[in-house]
């Protein structure tokens, strides 16, 4: 199905891929993993012809997919056999409603109405998104968009399915439904390439695992044998597959103790929604100075909406947002929000310009703070790189570095795990721990159990528009303020 020979790809600088050769048999399920920026997403784009036809990159070597040489086929021709689900689902969703998005691909294949309807029904059933029917795409959460993107590709009926971090934004139930779908597709003979950092969620699907580093394949073999190479995984900062924890966060909590400081932000009776759909329903919440909290909940629970309310980007329909005593918080300077999609907040040409922009714009230039932010996010070697040439994980870290350079009093991270290996993730989380020790309040929004239990000292469960549970991680789970190393 896939024959890659001597593939080298460059975006104008050092090669993103260097002399990569890879062969995947029809019906095989292969897991591809490696550190952030190692070339995984570049490989995915080469498999469906975006490289060299659409993305500005130089390419040497050959890529043959289902007997087609990607250098001599159009992207439209390859789309009939190779489906790609991007790392960031928002980049491939452009219709108004869920049904329109699902129908777009089949209609463009020239299929009749009955076949289009059949494929839509199959894709909806396979991904468990029946509850999203009739919804505007722009109102979906990041996790809901992820599942819609997978469903829209499945509706095309591809023989090869390439998924770039398909579980990155999914809650436990969504992850289970997607992985069950992938298992059924594999049993039906669909060739599957899964690019992923959350190895525990998908390792059981793949008979074979490929590990990449610095644009090259450094390991390739049966999944069990590859994950037994602990020294290699540790060197690359990769997490070994581990069992997922139960999906009911409430059972993992114990009562909270005394708050670490006075109130920083208080929400009273906050209500907010989109159109006729309510998202936050009489929500009460207090964040305290100097705490390190995690906000958890299912896809579509309203976590990102709540983050934007706290950052002052959305105004509630009803209720109050009160600031604690002392100097008022100023959005942008005192409150830093890392969006789920880093492209929503990156707009400068280079990493250095991006990280320097905020301090310079606010008249508080601090070279030491900028250097510390670049070092904490592992971007110091890339400070002159063009932002658009970074991987999604590197773009996520660039957005975070831009926030850290401002030294805000409240930092909100909306799913910071996108595109991140555990080494880079733990490095910048450890930097956040240092800021927290100095008095900065941290709120992390994530589905990643390990991240929560390593760092958070308070867990807030959002359900049905309200805080349904509020407590400490169960005894022995959280690390508190300890600096956590790669496992």
Protein backbone atom coordinates (compact mmCIF):
# COMPACT_ATOMS: atom_id res chain seq x y z
CA UNK A 1 0.00 0.00 0.00
CA UNK A 2 2.80 2.46 0.94
CA UNK A 3 6.30 2.45 -0.51
CA UNK A 4 8.54 5.34 0.55
CA UNK A 5 12.09 5.31 -0.82
CA UNK A 6 14.81 7.77 0.20
CA UNK A 7 12.35 10.54 1.07
CA UNK A 8 13.99 13.86 1.97
CA UNK A 9 11.88 16.98 2.59
CA UNK A 10 13.02 20.49 3.45
CA UNK A 11 11.08 23.70 4.11
CA UNK A 12 14.10 25.84 3.25
CA UNK A 13 16.23 25.06 6.29
CA UNK A 14 17.57 21.79 7.72
CA UNK A 15 15.71 18.75 6.32
CA UNK A 16 12.48 17.83 8.09
CA UNK A 17 12.90 14.30 6.69
CA UNK A 18 16.27 12.77 5.75
CA UNK A 19 16.45 9.69 3.50
CA UNK A 20 13.36 8.01 4.98
CA UNK A 21 12.30 4.63 3.61
CA UNK A 22 9.11 2.96 4.79
CA UNK A 23 6.95 0.14 3.46
CA UNK A 24 3.45 -0.62 4.75
CA UNK A 25 1.48 -3.63 3.57
CA UNK A 26 -2.23 -3.44 2.64
CA UNK A 27 -4.44 -3.72 5.72
CA UNK A 28 -1.57 -3.06 8.14
CA UNK A 29 -2.01 -0.73 11.12
CA UNK A 30 1.20 1.16 11.92
CA UNK A 31 1.83 3.52 14.82
CA UNK A 32 4.33 6.34 14.18
CA UNK A 33 5.70 8.26 17.15
CA UNK A 34 8.67 10.39 18.12
CA UNK A 35 9.58 13.74 19.71
CA UNK A 36 7.85 16.95 18.73
CA UNK A 37 9.33 18.27 15.48
CA UNK A 38 10.88 14.95 14.40
CA UNK A 39 9.09 14.91 11.01
CA UNK A 40 5.97 12.83 11.69
CA UNK A 41 3.51 15.37 10.29
CA UNK A 42 5.76 16.02 7.29
CA UNK A 43 5.64 12.30 6.52
CA UNK A 44 1.84 12.36 6.77
CA UNK A 45 1.60 15.26 4.30
CA UNK A 46 3.85 13.44 1.86
CA UNK A 47 1.60 10.37 1.92
CA UNK A 48 -1.41 12.21 0.49
CA UNK A 49 0.46 14.49 -1.91
CA UNK A 50 0.19 17.78 -0.03
CA UNK A 51 3.95 17.60 -0.29
CA UNK A 52 5.10 18.44 -2.97
CA UNK A 53 1.93 19.79 -4.65
CA UNK A 54 0.39 22.17 -2.10
CA UNK A 55 2.87 22.87 0.70
CA UNK A 56 5.97 24.90 -0.14
CA UNK A 57 8.72 22.32 0.36
CA UNK A 58 11.45 20.65 -1.67
CA UNK A 59 11.19 16.88 -1.96
CA UNK A 60 13.56 14.17 -3.11
CA UNK A 61 12.90 10.43 -3.25
CA UNK A 62 9.71 8.55 -4.14
CA UNK A 63 6.37 8.04 -2.43
CA UNK A 64 4.07 5.39 -3.90
CA UNK A 65 0.58 5.02 -2.40
CA UNK A 66 -1.79 2.34 -3.72
CA UNK A 67 0.33 2.11 -6.86
CA UNK A 68 0.25 5.87 -7.46
CA UNK A 69 3.39 8.01 -7.48
CA UNK A 70 2.41 11.05 -5.44
CA UNK A 71 4.76 13.27 -7.46
CA UNK A 72 2.75 12.56 -10.62
CA UNK A 73 -0.79 12.53 -9.21
CA UNK A 74 -2.90 15.47 -8.14
CA UNK A 75 -4.02 15.85 -4.55
CA UNK A 76 -7.61 15.35 -5.76
CA UNK A 77 -6.70 12.00 -7.33
CA UNK A 78 -4.89 10.86 -4.19
CA UNK A 79 -7.83 11.91 -2.01
CA UNK A 80 -9.84 9.02 -3.45
CA UNK A 81 -7.44 6.48 -1.91
CA UNK A 82 -5.61 8.28 0.94
CA UNK A 83 -7.44 10.19 3.67
CA UNK A 84 -5.55 12.47 6.06
CA UNK A 85 -6.92 13.73 9.38
CA UNK A 86 -4.82 16.73 10.36
CA UNK A 87 -3.28 17.36 13.76
CA UNK A 88 -5.41 20.50 14.03
CA UNK A 89 -8.96 19.65 12.88
CA UNK A 90 -9.90 23.31 12.35
CA UNK A 91 -7.61 23.42 9.30
CA UNK A 92 -9.80 20.99 7.35
CA UNK A 93 -13.31 21.99 8.41
CA UNK A 94 -14.87 24.77 6.35
CA UNK A 95 -18.59 24.05 5.92
CA UNK A 96 -21.34 25.61 7.99
CA UNK A 97 -22.99 22.54 9.50
CA UNK A 98 -21.97 19.04 10.52
CA UNK A 99 -24.03 17.41 7.77
CA UNK A 100 -22.62 19.76 5.11
CA UNK A 101 -19.09 18.88 6.23
CA UNK A 102 -19.75 15.15 6.02
CA UNK A 103 -21.41 15.43 2.61
CA UNK A 104 -18.79 17.67 1.00
CA UNK A 105 -16.24 14.97 0.14
CA UNK A 106 -18.67 12.35 -1.20
CA UNK A 107 -20.47 14.97 -3.29
CA UNK A 108 -17.16 16.00 -4.84
CA UNK A 109 -16.54 12.37 -5.77
CA UNK A 110 -19.64 12.60 -7.94
CA UNK A 111 -21.68 10.12 -5.89
CA UNK A 112 -25.47 10.12 -6.06
CA UNK A 113 -27.61 11.34 -3.20
CA UNK A 114 -28.44 7.90 -1.86
CA UNK A 115 -24.78 6.87 -1.67
CA UNK A 116 -23.84 10.16 -0.03
CA UNK A 117 -26.54 9.67 2.60
CA UNK A 118 -25.38 6.09 3.22
CA UNK A 119 -21.77 7.19 3.72
CA UNK A 120 -22.78 10.00 6.04
CA UNK A 121 -24.80 7.58 8.18
CA UNK A 122 -21.89 5.13 8.32
CA UNK A 123 -19.37 7.84 9.28
CA UNK A 124 -21.66 9.20 12.00
CA UNK A 125 -22.22 5.74 13.46
CA UNK A 126 -18.53 4.88 13.30
CA UNK A 127 -17.42 7.97 15.23
CA UNK A 128 -20.40 8.30 17.57
CA UNK A 129 -21.29 11.88 16.62
CA UNK A 130 -25.02 11.47 16.10
CA UNK A 131 -25.62 14.03 18.84
CA UNK A 132 -23.85 16.66 16.73
CA UNK A 133 -26.38 16.53 13.87
CA UNK A 134 -27.64 19.98 12.94
CA UNK A 135 -24.92 21.78 14.88
CA UNK A 136 -22.91 24.65 13.33
CA UNK A 137 -19.27 23.59 12.96
CA UNK A 138 -18.01 26.83 14.50
CA UNK A 139 -19.82 26.03 17.76
CA UNK A 140 -18.18 22.64 18.25
CA UNK A 141 -15.51 22.10 20.87
CA UNK A 142 -12.01 21.08 19.81
CA UNK A 143 -12.71 17.44 20.62
CA UNK A 144 -16.01 17.50 18.73
CA UNK A 145 -14.24 19.03 15.73
CA UNK A 146 -11.66 16.24 15.94
CA UNK A 147 -14.32 13.55 15.68
CA UNK A 148 -16.10 15.40 12.87
CA UNK A 149 -12.83 15.65 10.91
CA UNK A 150 -12.31 11.89 11.26
CA UNK A 151 -15.90 11.22 10.19
CA UNK A 152 -15.60 13.50 7.14
CA UNK A 153 -12.52 11.61 5.96
CA UNK A 154 -14.18 8.23 6.58
CA UNK A 155 -17.11 9.34 4.41
CA UNK A 156 -14.70 9.44 1.47
CA UNK A 157 -14.14 5.68 1.78
CA UNK A 158 -10.31 5.77 1.69
CA UNK A 159 -8.17 2.62 1.35
CA UNK A 160 -5.44 4.36 3.38
CA UNK A 161 -6.23 6.40 6.47
CA UNK A 162 -3.51 8.61 7.98
CA UNK A 163 -4.36 10.20 11.33
CA UNK A 164 -2.13 12.86 12.88
CA UNK A 165 -2.76 12.76 16.66
CA UNK A 166 -6.40 11.63 16.43
CA UNK A 167 -6.89 11.48 20.23
CA UNK A 168 -5.17 14.76 21.13
CA UNK A 169 -8.38 16.66 21.98
CA UNK A 170 -10.65 13.77 22.93
CA UNK A 171 -12.13 12.83 26.28
CA UNK A 172 -11.98 9.20 27.40
CA UNK A 173 -15.31 8.20 25.86
CA UNK A 174 -14.46 9.92 22.58
CA UNK A 175 -11.07 8.20 22.52
CA UNK A 176 -12.70 4.82 23.08
CA UNK A 177 -15.19 5.38 20.26
CA UNK A 178 -12.52 6.54 17.82
CA UNK A 179 -10.12 3.70 18.63
CA UNK A 180 -12.97 1.18 18.32
CA UNK A 181 -13.71 2.66 14.89
CA UNK A 182 -10.07 2.33 13.86
CA UNK A 183 -10.02 -1.28 15.03
CA UNK A 184 -13.08 -2.06 12.89
CA UNK A 185 -11.54 -0.33 9.86
CA UNK A 186 -8.33 -2.29 10.29
CA UNK A 187 -10.30 -5.55 10.47
CA UNK A 188 -12.10 -4.49 7.27
CA UNK A 189 -8.77 -4.17 5.47
CA UNK A 190 -8.24 -0.40 5.59
CA UNK A 191 -4.54 0.44 5.88
CA UNK A 192 -4.03 2.76 8.85
CA UNK A 193 -1.12 4.97 9.87
CA UNK A 194 -1.60 6.55 13.30
CA UNK A 195 0.73 9.36 14.38
CA UNK A 196 0.40 9.83 18.13
CA UNK A 197 2.02 10.91 21.42
CA UNK A 198 -0.72 9.45 23.66
CA UNK A 199 0.57 5.94 23.13
CA UNK A 200 -1.57 4.25 25.76
CA UNK A 201 -4.72 5.08 23.81
CA UNK A 202 -3.67 3.55 20.49
CA UNK A 203 -0.77 1.13 21.03
CA UNK A 204 -3.11 -1.86 21.22
CA UNK A 205 -4.32 -1.15 17.67
CA UNK A 206 -0.95 -1.36 15.95
CA UNK A 207 0.87 -4.54 15.13
CA UNK A 208 3.92 -2.43 14.25
CA UNK A 209 5.47 0.77 15.61
CA UNK A 210 7.84 3.20 13.91
CA UNK A 211 9.87 5.67 16.01
CA UNK A 212 11.29 8.82 14.42
CA UNK A 213 13.90 11.32 15.59
CA UNK A 214 15.40 14.33 13.78
CA UNK A 215 13.81 13.40 10.48
CA UNK A 216 14.91 9.75 10.45
CA UNK A 217 13.45 6.39 11.44
CA UNK A 218 15.35 5.12 14.48
CA UNK A 219 13.21 2.07 15.33
CA UNK A 220 10.76 -0.08 13.37
CA UNK A 221 9.32 -3.38 14.51
CA UNK A 222 6.57 -5.19 16.41
CA UNK A 223 4.90 -2.81 18.84
CA UNK A 224 5.77 -4.82 21.96
CA UNK A 225 9.43 -5.08 20.99
CA UNK A 226 9.75 -1.37 20.24
CA UNK A 227 8.17 -0.32 23.55
CA UNK A 228 10.45 -2.71 25.40
CA UNK A 229 13.37 -0.46 24.38
CA UNK A 230 13.03 1.75 27.44
CA UNK A 231 16.40 3.42 27.07
CA UNK A 232 15.46 4.65 23.58
CA UNK A 233 12.06 5.90 24.72
CA UNK A 234 13.61 7.68 27.69
CA UNK A 235 16.25 9.32 25.50
CA UNK A 236 13.58 10.64 23.14
CA UNK A 237 11.28 11.77 25.95
CA UNK A 238 8.44 9.42 24.99
CA UNK A 239 5.91 7.98 27.41
CA UNK A 240 5.53 4.22 27.51
CA UNK A 241 1.95 3.05 26.93
CA UNK A 242 -0.02 2.98 30.14
CA UNK A 243 -3.58 2.04 30.97
CA UNK A 244 -6.06 4.90 30.85
CA UNK A 245 -7.68 5.85 34.15
CA UNK A 246 -11.47 5.65 34.61
CA UNK A 247 -13.47 8.34 32.84
CA UNK A 248 -15.25 9.52 36.00
CA UNK A 249 -13.02 12.20 37.45
CA UNK A 250 -15.25 12.61 40.49
CA UNK A 251 -14.20 9.24 41.95
CA UNK A 252 -10.54 10.32 41.83
CA UNK A 253 -11.03 13.37 44.06
CA UNK A 254 -10.88 13.97 47.77
CA UNK A 255 -12.05 17.10 49.65
CA UNK A 256 -9.96 20.23 49.18
CA UNK A 257 -7.99 21.81 51.99
CA UNK A 258 -7.56 25.49 52.69
CA UNK A 259 -7.00 27.71 49.64
CA UNK A 260 -3.35 28.73 49.07
CA UNK A 261 -4.14 32.44 49.01
CA UNK A 262 -6.86 35.09 48.68
CA UNK A 263 -9.31 35.00 45.76
CA UNK A 264 -7.90 36.10 42.40
CA UNK A 265 -11.01 35.71 40.19
CA UNK A 266 -14.59 34.89 41.24
CA UNK A 267 -17.44 33.86 38.94
CA UNK A 268 -20.97 34.12 40.35
CA UNK A 269 -24.00 32.71 38.54
CA UNK A 270 -22.35 32.94 35.14
CA UNK A 271 -24.54 31.99 32.18
CA UNK A 272 -23.37 31.89 28.57
CA UNK A 273 -24.22 30.04 25.38
CA UNK A 274 -24.19 30.08 21.60
CA UNK A 275 -27.50 30.81 19.91
CA UNK A 276 -30.15 28.82 21.75
CA UNK A 277 -27.66 26.33 23.20
CA UNK A 278 -26.62 27.00 26.79
CA UNK A 279 -23.04 26.14 27.72
CA UNK A 280 -22.49 27.66 31.18
CA UNK A 281 -25.54 27.54 33.45
CA UNK A 282 -25.33 29.50 36.69
CA UNK A 283 -21.67 28.62 37.18
CA UNK A 284 -19.87 29.56 40.41
CA UNK A 285 -16.08 29.37 40.62
CA UNK A 286 -13.27 30.96 42.60
CA UNK A 287 -9.62 30.78 41.59
CA UNK A 288 -7.14 31.62 44.32
CA UNK A 289 -3.78 33.32 44.10
CA UNK A 290 -0.88 30.91 43.87
CA UNK A 291 -2.86 27.75 43.11
CA UNK A 292 -2.18 25.18 40.39
CA UNK A 293 -5.57 23.89 39.23
CA UNK A 294 -6.85 21.65 36.44
CA UNK A 295 -10.20 22.04 34.70
CA UNK A 296 -11.50 18.73 33.32
CA UNK A 297 -14.68 17.47 31.68
CA UNK A 298 -16.08 15.85 28.56
CA UNK A 299 -15.78 17.28 25.06
CA UNK A 300 -18.33 20.06 24.66
CA UNK A 301 -18.70 20.62 28.41
CA UNK A 302 -17.72 24.31 28.02
CA UNK A 303 -14.12 24.26 29.26
CA UNK A 304 -12.77 26.50 26.48
CA UNK A 305 -15.76 28.83 26.86
CA UNK A 306 -15.04 29.15 30.58
CA UNK A 307 -11.38 29.87 29.81
CA UNK A 308 -12.37 32.71 27.50
CA UNK A 309 -14.68 34.14 30.15
CA UNK A 310 -11.83 34.13 32.67
CA UNK A 311 -9.53 35.81 30.14
CA UNK A 312 -12.09 38.52 29.41
CA UNK A 313 -12.65 37.44 25.79
CA UNK A 314 -16.31 36.50 26.32
CA UNK A 315 -18.86 38.41 28.36
CA UNK A 316 -21.50 36.35 30.21
CA UNK A 317 -25.17 36.82 29.44
CA UNK A 318 -25.85 36.80 33.16
CA UNK A 319 -23.77 36.65 36.31
CA UNK A 320 -20.65 38.41 37.52
CA UNK A 321 -16.92 38.08 37.04
CA UNK A 322 -15.23 39.65 40.06
CA UNK A 323 -11.56 40.31 40.50
CA UNK A 324 -9.84 39.83 43.83
CA UNK A 325 -8.54 42.66 45.94
CA UNK A 326 -5.41 44.51 44.93
CA UNK A 327 -4.34 45.69 41.48
CA UNK A 328 -6.98 44.75 38.88
CA UNK A 329 -6.09 42.08 36.37
CA UNK A 330 -5.57 43.31 32.81
CA UNK A 331 -6.26 40.87 29.99
CA UNK A 332 -3.18 40.31 27.84
CA UNK A 333 -0.78 41.58 30.47
CA UNK A 334 -1.91 39.85 33.67
CA UNK A 335 -3.95 37.00 32.14
CA UNK A 336 -2.35 34.73 29.56
CA UNK A 337 -4.52 32.26 27.62
CA UNK A 338 -2.98 29.53 25.49
CA UNK A 339 -5.60 28.65 22.89
CA UNK A 340 -6.35 25.07 21.91
CA UNK A 341 -5.38 26.01 18.35
CA UNK A 342 -2.03 27.87 18.41
CA UNK A 343 -2.64 29.35 14.95
CA UNK A 344 -5.37 31.49 16.53
CA UNK A 345 -2.71 33.54 18.32
CA UNK A 346 0.45 33.34 16.23
CA UNK A 347 0.90 36.15 13.71
CA UNK A 348 4.59 37.17 13.57
CA UNK A 349 7.15 35.93 11.05
CA UNK A 350 9.76 34.37 13.35
CA UNK A 351 9.80 32.74 16.78
CA UNK A 352 11.89 35.60 18.20
CA UNK A 353 9.44 38.22 16.90
CA UNK A 354 6.48 36.26 18.26
CA UNK A 355 7.90 35.91 21.76
CA UNK A 356 9.14 39.52 21.84
CA UNK A 357 5.96 41.10 20.48
CA UNK A 358 3.90 41.22 23.68
CA UNK A 359 6.56 42.69 26.00
CA UNK A 360 7.58 45.24 23.35
CA UNK A 361 3.96 46.22 22.63
CA UNK A 362 3.28 46.77 26.34
CA UNK A 363 6.54 48.63 26.92
CA UNK A 364 7.99 46.03 29.26
CA UNK A 365 10.84 44.56 27.19
CA UNK A 366 12.87 42.10 29.24
CA UNK A 367 15.51 40.11 27.31
CA UNK A 368 16.03 37.81 30.30
CA UNK A 369 12.33 36.90 30.42
CA UNK A 370 12.28 36.24 26.68
CA UNK A 371 15.38 34.05 26.88
CA UNK A 372 13.89 32.14 29.83
CA UNK A 373 10.63 31.58 27.93
CA UNK A 374 12.47 30.23 24.88
CA UNK A 375 14.59 27.95 27.06
CA UNK A 376 11.63 26.66 29.06
CA UNK A 377 9.74 25.70 25.90
CA UNK A 378 12.75 24.17 24.15
CA UNK A 379 12.69 26.79 21.39
CA UNK A 380 16.04 28.46 22.02
CA UNK A 381 17.66 26.61 19.07
CA UNK A 382 14.73 27.65 16.83
CA UNK A 383 14.50 31.34 17.72
CA UNK A 384 15.20 32.45 14.13
CA UNK A 385 12.85 29.91 12.50
CA UNK A 386 9.78 31.05 10.59
CA UNK A 387 6.67 30.33 12.64
CA UNK A 388 4.84 28.78 9.68
CA UNK A 389 7.65 26.23 9.23
CA UNK A 390 7.27 24.84 12.77
CA UNK A 391 5.45 21.64 13.56
CA UNK A 392 2.09 21.96 15.34
CA UNK A 393 3.75 21.01 18.63
CA UNK A 394 6.46 23.64 18.14
CA UNK A 395 3.82 26.24 17.27
CA UNK A 396 2.02 25.36 20.50
CA UNK A 397 5.24 25.95 22.43
CA UNK A 398 5.88 29.22 20.58
CA UNK A 399 2.46 30.50 21.67
CA UNK A 400 3.21 29.44 25.24
CA UNK A 401 6.63 31.12 25.16
CA UNK A 402 4.94 34.35 24.04
CA UNK A 403 2.69 34.12 27.12
CA UNK A 404 5.51 33.30 29.52
CA UNK A 405 7.55 36.28 28.30
CA UNK A 406 4.81 38.58 29.68
CA UNK A 407 5.02 36.99 33.15
CA UNK A 408 1.23 37.10 33.71
CA UNK A 409 -0.37 36.61 37.11
CA UNK A 410 -2.86 34.05 35.76
CA UNK A 411 -1.92 31.55 33.04
CA UNK A 412 -4.65 29.45 31.42
CA UNK A 413 -3.56 26.55 29.19
CA UNK A 414 -6.27 25.06 26.98
CA UNK A 415 -5.13 21.52 26.12
CA UNK A 416 -1.35 22.17 26.04
CA UNK A 417 -0.56 18.55 25.11
CA UNK A 418 -1.24 19.00 21.35
CA UNK A 419 1.81 17.83 19.42
CA UNK A 420 3.95 17.46 22.55
CA UNK A 421 6.13 14.57 23.59
CA UNK A 422 6.46 14.07 27.34
CA UNK A 423 9.98 15.55 27.49
CA UNK A 424 8.93 18.91 26.02
CA UNK A 425 5.64 18.86 27.88
CA UNK A 426 7.23 18.21 31.26
CA UNK A 427 9.93 20.82 30.59
CA UNK A 428 7.51 23.68 30.13
CA UNK A 429 5.20 22.35 32.84
CA UNK A 430 8.17 22.41 35.20
CA UNK A 431 8.71 26.03 34.19
CA UNK A 432 5.08 26.70 35.13
CA UNK A 433 5.72 25.07 38.50
CA UNK A 434 8.56 27.56 39.06
CA UNK A 435 6.25 30.45 38.18
CA UNK A 436 3.61 29.00 40.47
CA UNK A 437 6.08 28.88 43.34
CA UNK A 438 6.71 32.58 42.70
CA UNK A 439 2.99 33.31 43.08
CA UNK A 440 1.55 32.87 39.57
CA UNK A 441 -1.84 31.14 39.37
CA UNK A 442 -2.06 28.30 36.84
CA UNK A 443 -5.19 26.73 35.32
CA UNK A 444 -4.66 23.77 32.96
CA UNK A 445 -7.51 22.46 30.79
CA UNK A 446 -6.79 18.94 29.62
CA UNK A 447 -7.97 15.35 29.15
CA UNK A 448 -4.51 14.02 30.05
CA UNK A 449 -4.76 12.13 33.36
CA UNK A 450 -1.01 11.84 33.81
CA UNK A 451 -0.50 15.57 33.35
CA UNK A 452 -3.22 16.39 35.87
CA UNK A 453 -1.98 13.97 38.52
CA UNK A 454 1.64 15.04 38.16
CA UNK A 455 1.03 18.76 38.51
CA UNK A 456 -2.43 19.86 39.69
CA UNK A 457 -3.20 20.43 43.35
CA UNK A 458 -6.87 21.09 42.67
CA UNK A 459 -9.21 19.52 40.11
CA UNK A 460 -12.39 21.20 38.88
CA UNK A 461 -14.89 19.00 37.03
CA UNK A 462 -17.17 20.87 34.61
CA UNK A 463 -20.42 19.10 33.81
CA UNK A 464 -23.84 20.34 32.66
CA UNK A 465 -22.64 23.93 32.67
CA UNK A 466 -21.56 23.93 36.32
CA UNK A 467 -18.66 22.85 38.51
CA UNK A 468 -19.86 19.37 39.45
CA UNK A 469 -16.87 18.41 41.61
CA UNK A 470 -13.99 20.30 43.19
CA UNK A 471 -11.23 18.62 45.13
CA UNK A 472 -7.71 17.35 45.45
CA UNK A 473 -6.23 14.50 43.40
CA UNK A 474 -6.59 11.24 45.31
CA UNK A 475 -3.82 10.48 47.78
CA UNK A 476 -0.62 9.38 46.11
CA UNK A 477 -1.68 10.69 42.69
CA UNK A 478 -0.48 14.31 42.60
CA UNK A 479 3.10 15.50 42.75
CA UNK A 480 2.26 18.94 44.05
CA UNK A 481 5.08 21.34 43.38
CA UNK A 482 7.70 18.71 42.67
CA UNK A 483 9.62 18.92 39.42
CA UNK A 484 8.64 15.90 37.34
CA UNK A 485 11.09 14.14 35.04
CA UNK A 486 10.30 12.09 31.96
CA UNK A 487 9.08 8.59 32.65
